[in-house]
C-alpha atoms as a PDB file:
ATOM      1  CA  MET A   1      16.445-127.853   3.120  1.00  0.00           C
ATOM      2  CA  SER A   2      13.997-125.610   4.109  1.00  0.00           C
ATOM      3  CA  ILE A   3      10.328-126.429   5.674  1.00  0.00           C
ATOM      4  CA  GLU A   4       7.611-124.262   4.513  1.00  0.00           C
ATOM      5  CA  ILE A   5       5.491-123.588   7.752  1.00  0.00           C
ATOM      6  CA  ILE A   6       2.220-122.300   8.440  1.00  0.00           C
ATOM      7  CA  SER A   7       2.284-119.218  10.578  1.00  0.00           C
ATOM      8  CA  ASN A   8      -0.304-117.120  12.418  1.00  0.00           C
ATOM      9  CA  ILE A   9      -1.293-113.624  12.938  1.00  0.00           C
ATOM     10  CA  TYR A  10      -3.680-112.647  15.783  1.00  0.00           C
ATOM     11  CA  LEU A  11      -6.087-109.574  16.079  1.00  0.00           C
ATOM     12  CA  ILE A  12      -7.702-109.073  19.169  1.00  0.00           C
ATOM     13  CA  ARG A  13     -10.326-106.254  19.932  1.00  0.00           C
ATOM     14  CA  HIS A  14      -9.984-104.335  22.863  1.00  0.00           C
ATOM     15  CA  GLY A  15     -12.078-105.195  26.174  1.00  0.00           C
ATOM     16  CA  LEU A  16     -15.483-103.178  27.026  1.00  0.00           C
ATOM     17  CA  THR A  17     -15.185 -99.294  27.534  1.00  0.00           C
ATOM     18  CA  GLU A  18     -17.428 -96.449  28.781  1.00  0.00           C
ATOM     19  CA  GLY A  19     -18.196 -95.707  24.964  1.00  0.00           C
ATOM     20  CA  ASN A  20     -19.234 -99.400  24.475  1.00  0.00           C
ATOM     21  CA  LEU A  21     -21.559 -99.439  27.217  1.00  0.00           C
ATOM     22  CA  LYS A  22     -23.061 -95.997  26.593  1.00  0.00           C
ATOM     23  CA  ASN A  23     -23.420 -96.693  22.610  1.00  0.00           C
ATOM     24  CA  TRP A  24     -21.078 -93.759  21.497  1.00  0.00           C
ATOM     25  CA  CYS A  25     -19.806 -92.963  18.328  1.00  0.00           C
ATOM     26  CA  TYR A  26     -16.122 -92.901  19.006  1.00  0.00           C
ATOM     27  CA  GLY A  27     -12.738 -93.916  18.117  1.00  0.00           C
ATOM     28  CA  GLY A  28     -10.524 -91.119  18.613  1.00  0.00           C
ATOM     29  CA  ILE A  29     -11.350 -90.460  22.359  1.00  0.00           C
ATOM     30  CA  ASP A  30      -8.335 -92.031  24.411  1.00  0.00           C
ATOM     31  CA  ILE A  31     -10.439 -93.828  27.162  1.00  0.00           C
ATOM     32  CA  PRO A  32      -9.328 -96.624  29.192  1.00  0.00           C
ATOM     33  CA  LEU A  33     -11.211-100.164  29.856  1.00  0.00           C
ATOM     34  CA  ALA A  34     -14.516-100.133  31.844  1.00  0.00           C
ATOM     35  CA  ASP A  35     -14.401-102.066  35.054  1.00  0.00           C
ATOM     36  CA  GLU A  36     -16.411-104.606  33.213  1.00  0.00           C
ATOM     37  CA  GLY A  37     -13.919-104.550  30.134  1.00  0.00           C
ATOM     38  CA  ILE A  38     -11.315-105.341  32.702  1.00  0.00           C
ATOM     39  CA  GLN A  39     -13.061-108.137  34.250  1.00  0.00           C
ATOM     40  CA  GLY A  40     -14.149-109.462  30.966  1.00  0.00           C
ATOM     41  CA  ILE A  41     -10.635-109.827  29.677  1.00  0.00           C
ATOM     42  CA  LYS A  42      -9.567-111.491  33.111  1.00  0.00           C
ATOM     43  CA  VAL A  43     -12.105-113.988  32.369  1.00  0.00           C
ATOM     44  CA  ARG A  44     -10.940-114.829  28.935  1.00  0.00           C
ATOM     45  CA  VAL A  45      -7.571-114.910  30.120  1.00  0.00           C
ATOM     46  CA  SER A  46      -8.459-117.528  32.834  1.00  0.00           C
ATOM     47  CA  GLN A  47     -10.016-119.465  30.067  1.00  0.00           C
ATOM     48  CA  LYS A  48      -6.832-119.618  28.267  1.00  0.00           C
ATOM     49  CA  ALA A  49      -8.699-117.935  24.968  1.00  0.00           C
ATOM     50  CA  TYR A  50      -5.581-115.941  23.759  1.00  0.00           C
ATOM     51  CA  PRO A  51      -2.504-117.144  21.929  1.00  0.00           C
ATOM     52  CA  ASN A  52       0.951-117.405  23.618  1.00  0.00           C
ATOM     53  CA  TYR A  53       3.291-114.634  22.998  1.00  0.00           C
ATOM     54  CA  GLU A  54       6.688-116.529  23.368  1.00  0.00           C
ATOM     55  CA  ASN A  55       8.375-116.200  19.928  1.00  0.00           C
ATOM     56  CA  ALA A  56       5.677-113.624  18.656  1.00  0.00           C
ATOM     57  CA  ASP A  57       6.264-109.914  17.594  1.00  0.00           C
ATOM     58  CA  LEU A  58       3.710-107.925  19.676  1.00  0.00           C
ATOM     59  CA  TYR A  59       1.592-104.874  18.323  1.00  0.00           C
ATOM     60  CA  THR A  60      -1.058-102.461  19.929  1.00  0.00           C
ATOM     61  CA  SER A  61      -2.631 -99.184  18.360  1.00  0.00           C
ATOM     62  CA  ALA A  62      -1.039 -96.449  20.080  1.00  0.00           C
ATOM     63  CA  MET A  63      -4.596 -96.122  22.160  1.00  0.00           C
ATOM     64  CA  LYS A  64      -4.653 -96.719  25.761  1.00  0.00           C
ATOM     65  CA  ARG A  65      -7.543 -99.154  25.594  1.00  0.00           C
ATOM     66  CA  ALA A  66      -5.623-101.189  23.461  1.00  0.00           C
ATOM     67  CA  ARG A  67      -2.472-101.159  25.438  1.00  0.00           C
ATOM     68  CA  GLN A  68      -4.209-101.829  28.560  1.00  0.00           C
ATOM     69  CA  THR A  69      -6.190-104.906  27.007  1.00  0.00           C
ATOM     70  CA  PHE A  70      -2.495-106.135  26.012  1.00  0.00           C
ATOM     71  CA  ASN A  71      -1.191-105.689  29.473  1.00  0.00           C
ATOM     72  CA  LEU A  72      -4.029-107.569  30.778  1.00  0.00           C
ATOM     73  CA  ILE A  73      -3.569-110.336  28.651  1.00  0.00           C
ATOM     74  CA  TYR A  74       0.360-110.585  28.881  1.00  0.00           C
ATOM     75  CA  GLY A  75       1.314-108.762  31.432  1.00  0.00           C
ATOM     76  CA  GLU A  76       4.063-105.886  31.815  1.00  0.00           C
ATOM     77  CA  ILE A  77       6.021-107.005  28.802  1.00  0.00           C
ATOM     78  CA  GLU A  78       7.158-104.529  25.647  1.00  0.00           C
ATOM     79  CA  SER A  79       5.111-104.509  22.540  1.00  0.00           C
ATOM     80  CA  THR A  80       5.242-102.002  19.780  1.00  0.00           C
ATOM     81  CA  PRO A  81       2.610 -99.186  19.339  1.00  0.00           C
ATOM     82  CA  VAL A  82       1.376 -98.440  15.896  1.00  0.00           C
ATOM     83  CA  GLU A  83      -0.770 -95.446  15.335  1.00  0.00           C
ATOM     84  CA  ALA A  84      -1.773 -96.751  11.844  1.00  0.00           C
ATOM     85  CA  PHE A  85      -4.005 -99.422  13.717  1.00  0.00           C
ATOM     86  CA  ASN A  86      -5.774 -96.362  15.853  1.00  0.00           C
ATOM     87  CA  GLU A  87      -9.720 -96.726  15.655  1.00  0.00           C
ATOM     88  CA  PHE A  88     -11.653 -94.257  13.146  1.00  0.00           C
ATOM     89  CA  HIS A  89     -11.641 -90.554  14.147  1.00  0.00           C
ATOM     90  CA  PHE A  90     -15.199 -89.246  14.355  1.00  0.00           C
ATOM     91  CA  GLY A  91     -14.116 -85.820  15.004  1.00  0.00           C
ATOM     92  CA  GLU A  92     -16.691 -83.591  16.291  1.00  0.00           C
ATOM     93  CA  PHE A  93     -19.170 -86.491  16.394  1.00  0.00           C
ATOM     94  CA  GLU A  94     -16.857 -88.301  19.070  1.00  0.00           C
ATOM     95  CA  GLY A  95     -18.484 -88.971  22.454  1.00  0.00           C
ATOM     96  CA  LYS A  96     -22.307 -88.755  21.209  1.00  0.00           C
ATOM     97  CA  THR A  97     -24.938 -91.633  20.736  1.00  0.00           C
ATOM     98  CA  ILE A  98     -26.475 -91.734  17.282  1.00  0.00           C
ATOM     99  CA  GLU A  99     -29.849 -90.390  18.934  1.00  0.00           C
ATOM    100  CA  GLU A 100     -27.954 -87.574  19.920  1.00  0.00           C
ATOM    101  CA  LEU A 101     -26.498 -87.042  16.449  1.00  0.00           C
ATOM    102  CA  LYS A 102     -29.689 -87.571  14.485  1.00  0.00           C
ATOM    103  CA  MET A 103     -30.419 -84.018  15.657  1.00  0.00           C
ATOM    104  CA  LEU A 104     -27.154 -82.585  13.744  1.00  0.00           C
ATOM    105  CA  ASP A 105     -27.313 -81.556  10.192  1.00  0.00           C
ATOM    106  CA  SER A 106     -23.703 -81.906   9.839  1.00  0.00           C
ATOM    107  CA  PHE A 107     -24.214 -85.403  10.961  1.00  0.00           C
ATOM    108  CA  LEU A 108     -27.221 -86.264   8.489  1.00  0.00           C
ATOM    109  CA  GLU A 109     -24.709 -84.705   5.665  1.00  0.00           C
ATOM    110  CA  TRP A 110     -21.783 -86.639   6.417  1.00  0.00           C
ATOM    111  CA  SER A 111     -23.936 -89.958   6.811  1.00  0.00           C
ATOM    112  CA  ARG A 112     -25.455 -89.632   3.696  1.00  0.00           C
ATOM    113  CA  ASP A 113     -22.136 -89.739   1.573  1.00  0.00           C
ATOM    114  CA  LYS A 114     -21.818 -92.856  -0.376  1.00  0.00           C
ATOM    115  CA  THR A 115     -18.371 -92.229  -1.472  1.00  0.00           C
ATOM    116  CA  GLY A 116     -16.590 -92.612   1.704  1.00  0.00           C
ATOM    117  CA  ASP A 117     -14.458 -89.229   0.920  1.00  0.00           C
ATOM    118  CA  ARG A 118     -16.214 -86.847   3.285  1.00  0.00           C
ATOM    119  CA  SER A 119     -14.449 -86.520   6.407  1.00  0.00           C
ATOM    120  CA  ALA A 120     -16.436 -86.092   9.829  1.00  0.00           C
ATOM    121  CA  PRO A 121     -15.751 -82.563  10.972  1.00  0.00           C
ATOM    122  CA  GLY A 122     -12.639 -82.276  12.585  1.00  0.00           C
ATOM    123  CA  GLY A 123     -12.088 -86.127  12.232  1.00  0.00           C
ATOM    124  CA  GLU A 124     -11.214 -88.382   9.086  1.00  0.00           C
ATOM    125  CA  SER A 125     -12.659 -89.699   6.119  1.00  0.00           C
ATOM    126  CA  PHE A 126     -13.779 -93.702   5.929  1.00  0.00           C
ATOM    127  CA  ASN A 127     -11.485 -93.863   2.837  1.00  0.00           C
ATOM    128  CA  GLY A 128      -8.842 -92.286   4.519  1.00  0.00           C
ATOM    129  CA  PHE A 129      -9.033 -94.490   7.690  1.00  0.00           C
ATOM    130  CA  ARG A 130      -8.993 -97.609   5.380  1.00  0.00           C
ATOM    131  CA  LYS A 131      -6.271 -96.594   3.392  1.00  0.00           C
ATOM    132  CA  ARG A 132      -4.164 -95.932   6.761  1.00  0.00           C
ATOM    133  CA  VAL A 133      -5.290 -99.227   8.181  1.00  0.00           C
ATOM    134  CA  SER A 134      -4.245-100.901   4.877  1.00  0.00           C
ATOM    135  CA  SER A 135      -0.890 -99.436   4.892  1.00  0.00           C
ATOM    136  CA  GLY A 136      -0.171-100.466   8.472  1.00  0.00           C
ATOM    137  CA  TRP A 137      -1.254-104.186   7.675  1.00  0.00           C
ATOM    138  CA  GLN A 138       0.995-104.364   4.592  1.00  0.00           C
ATOM    139  CA  LYS A 139       3.815-103.156   6.655  1.00  0.00           C
ATOM    140  CA  LEU A 140       2.723-105.653   9.395  1.00  0.00           C
ATOM    141  CA  VAL A 141       2.656-108.663   7.086  1.00  0.00           C
ATOM    142  CA  GLU A 142       6.069-107.556   5.565  1.00  0.00           C
ATOM    143  CA  LEU A 143       7.786-108.074   8.754  1.00  0.00           C
ATOM    144  CA  HIS A 144       5.948-111.232   9.689  1.00  0.00           C
ATOM    145  CA  SER A 145       7.328-112.590   6.442  1.00  0.00           C
ATOM    146  CA  GLU A 146      10.729-111.781   6.986  1.00  0.00           C
ATOM    147  CA  LYS A 147      10.445-113.726  10.097  1.00  0.00           C
ATOM    148  CA  GLU A 148       8.580-116.850   8.349  1.00  0.00           C
ATOM    149  CA  LEU A 149      11.811-116.937   6.076  1.00  0.00           C
ATOM    150  CA  LEU A 150      14.039-116.838   8.636  1.00  0.00           C
ATOM    151  CA  ASN A 151      12.388-119.639  10.412  1.00  0.00           C
ATOM    152  CA  GLU A 152      11.762-122.148   7.871  1.00  0.00           C
ATOM    153  CA  ARG A 153      14.980-123.619   7.766  1.00  0.00           C
ATOM    154  CA  GLU A 154      14.547-124.504  11.614  1.00  0.00           C
ATOM    155  CA  GLY A 155      10.811-125.143  11.040  1.00  0.00           C
ATOM    156  CA  SER A 156      10.199-123.187  14.530  1.00  0.00           C
ATOM    157  CA  PRO A 157       6.746-121.547  14.700  1.00  0.00           C
ATOM    158  CA  VAL A 158       5.789-117.625  13.992  1.00  0.00           C
ATOM    159  CA  ALA A 159       3.256-115.401  14.958  1.00  0.00           C
ATOM    160  CA  SER A 160       2.294-111.825  15.354  1.00  0.00           C
ATOM    161  CA  VAL A 161      -0.168-110.392  17.554  1.00  0.00           C
ATOM    162  CA  LEU A 162      -1.901-107.153  17.407  1.00  0.00           C
ATOM    163  CA  VAL A 163      -4.483-105.877  19.958  1.00  0.00           C
ATOM    164  CA  CYS A 164      -6.432-103.026  18.288  1.00  0.00           C
ATOM    165  CA  HIS A 165     -10.133-102.040  17.657  1.00  0.00           C
ATOM    166  CA  GLY A 166     -13.228-103.488  16.305  1.00  0.00           C
ATOM    167  CA  GLY A 167     -13.419-101.183  13.267  1.00  0.00           C
ATOM    168  CA  VAL A 168      -9.578-101.656  12.361  1.00  0.00           C
ATOM    169  CA  ILE A 169     -10.057-105.609  12.357  1.00  0.00           C
ATOM    170  CA  SER A 170     -13.097-105.277  10.189  1.00  0.00           C
ATOM    171  CA  VAL A 171     -11.134-103.687   7.593  1.00  0.00           C
ATOM    172  CA  ILE A 172      -8.187-106.104   8.004  1.00  0.00           C
ATOM    173  CA  MET A 173     -10.303-108.909   7.505  1.00  0.00           C
ATOM    174  CA  ASP A 174     -12.494-107.417   4.749  1.00  0.00           C
ATOM    175  CA  GLU A 175      -9.357-106.600   2.699  1.00  0.00           C
ATOM    176  CA  VAL A 176      -7.859-110.294   3.455  1.00  0.00           C
ATOM    177  CA  PHE A 177     -10.880-112.324   2.996  1.00  0.00           C
ATOM    178  CA  PRO A 178     -13.258-110.035   0.815  1.00  0.00           C
ATOM    179  CA  LYS A 179     -15.272-112.745  -0.224  1.00  0.00           C
ATOM    180  CA  ALA A 180     -16.237-114.373   3.358  1.00  0.00           C
ATOM    181  CA  ASN A 181     -18.562-111.714   4.515  1.00  0.00           C
ATOM    182  CA  SER A 182     -20.976-109.666   2.670  1.00  0.00           C
ATOM    183  CA  LYS A 183     -20.656-106.728   5.307  1.00  0.00           C
ATOM    184  CA  LEU A 184     -17.862-104.884   6.591  1.00  0.00           C
ATOM    185  CA  PHE A 185     -18.799-104.533   9.812  1.00  0.00           C
ATOM    186  CA  GLY A 186     -20.078-108.195   9.829  1.00  0.00           C
ATOM    187  CA  TRP A 187     -16.387-108.722  10.606  1.00  0.00           C
ATOM    188  CA  THR A 188     -16.364-106.901  14.016  1.00  0.00           C
ATOM    189  CA  PRO A 189     -15.570-109.456  17.077  1.00  0.00           C
ATOM    190  CA  ASP A 190     -17.058-108.931  20.375  1.00  0.00           C
ATOM    191  CA  PRO A 191     -14.671-106.865  22.849  1.00  0.00           C
ATOM    192  CA  GLY A 192     -12.014-109.226  23.855  1.00  0.00           C
ATOM    193  CA  HIS A 193     -12.418-111.533  21.162  1.00  0.00           C
ATOM    194  CA  GLY A 194     -10.657-111.649  17.663  1.00  0.00           C
ATOM    195  CA  TYR A 195      -9.374-113.821  14.719  1.00  0.00           C
ATOM    196  CA  ALA A 196      -6.305-116.061  14.022  1.00  0.00           C
ATOM    197  CA  ILE A 197      -5.066-115.478  10.449  1.00  0.00           C
ATOM    198  CA  SER A 198      -3.191-118.532   9.098  1.00  0.00           C
ATOM    199  CA  MET A 199      -0.147-117.670   6.837  1.00  0.00           C
ATOM    200  CA  ARG A 200       2.183-119.121   4.516  1.00  0.00           C
ATOM    201  CA  ARG A 201       4.749-116.962   2.816  1.00  0.00           C
ATOM    202  CA  GLY A 202       3.032-113.877   3.449  1.00  0.00           C
ATOM    203  CA  GLU A 203      -0.159-115.311   1.972  1.00  0.00           C
ATOM    204  CA  PRO A 204      -3.351-115.843   4.168  1.00  0.00           C
ATOM    205  CA  LEU A 205      -4.759-119.212   3.922  1.00  0.00           C
ATOM    206  CA  SER A 206      -7.676-119.239   6.337  1.00  0.00           C
ATOM    207  CA  TYR A 207      -9.181-117.624   9.515  1.00  0.00           C
ATOM    208  CA  GLU A 208     -10.909-118.640  12.959  1.00  0.00           C
ATOM    209  CA  ALA A 209     -12.656-116.758  15.355  1.00  0.00           C
ATOM    210  CA  PHE A 210     -11.709-117.096  18.841  1.00  0.00           C
END
């Protein structure tokens, strides 16, 4: 007789970067964690804030700051980088503050687009970003669900861990729990924080911030 178990998918935002500290509009720049970000993650590790990686499937985005955060949390163990979970690419607007961007007609034109179809010059559109993240999430859930089914008979725990970015987590949470937050980026966790999503047979049940 199989046992229907509840599993978890953990979403963790990377630690602080220079871009966060300087309020850059950035996502595609592949920068490492700032010293403050490294220390912040180490403090959270000492507080045992993160889920155990044993028996978990481990993923990161393909970007340096996510992989570095993962290694600070879990050590030098193997994880699977997934480009679908890279942060939004702002193209020519990367590395500039909003105050700097307000001086650019191209930014003002792009920011006024209400459809989400207009790409940042040299970057991507919000709808394209959302489609990319959604596709990656569906594949992750499929793999997670397959492992759930394999482990039902033994009743053993199942978990997946993804270390990625604030925009990516916001899109995932908005898709999975569309009525729980009225603002998309109201889902964005602080650096080094995230969400635990409880799952059963591929269906989300609830979430908890950590």
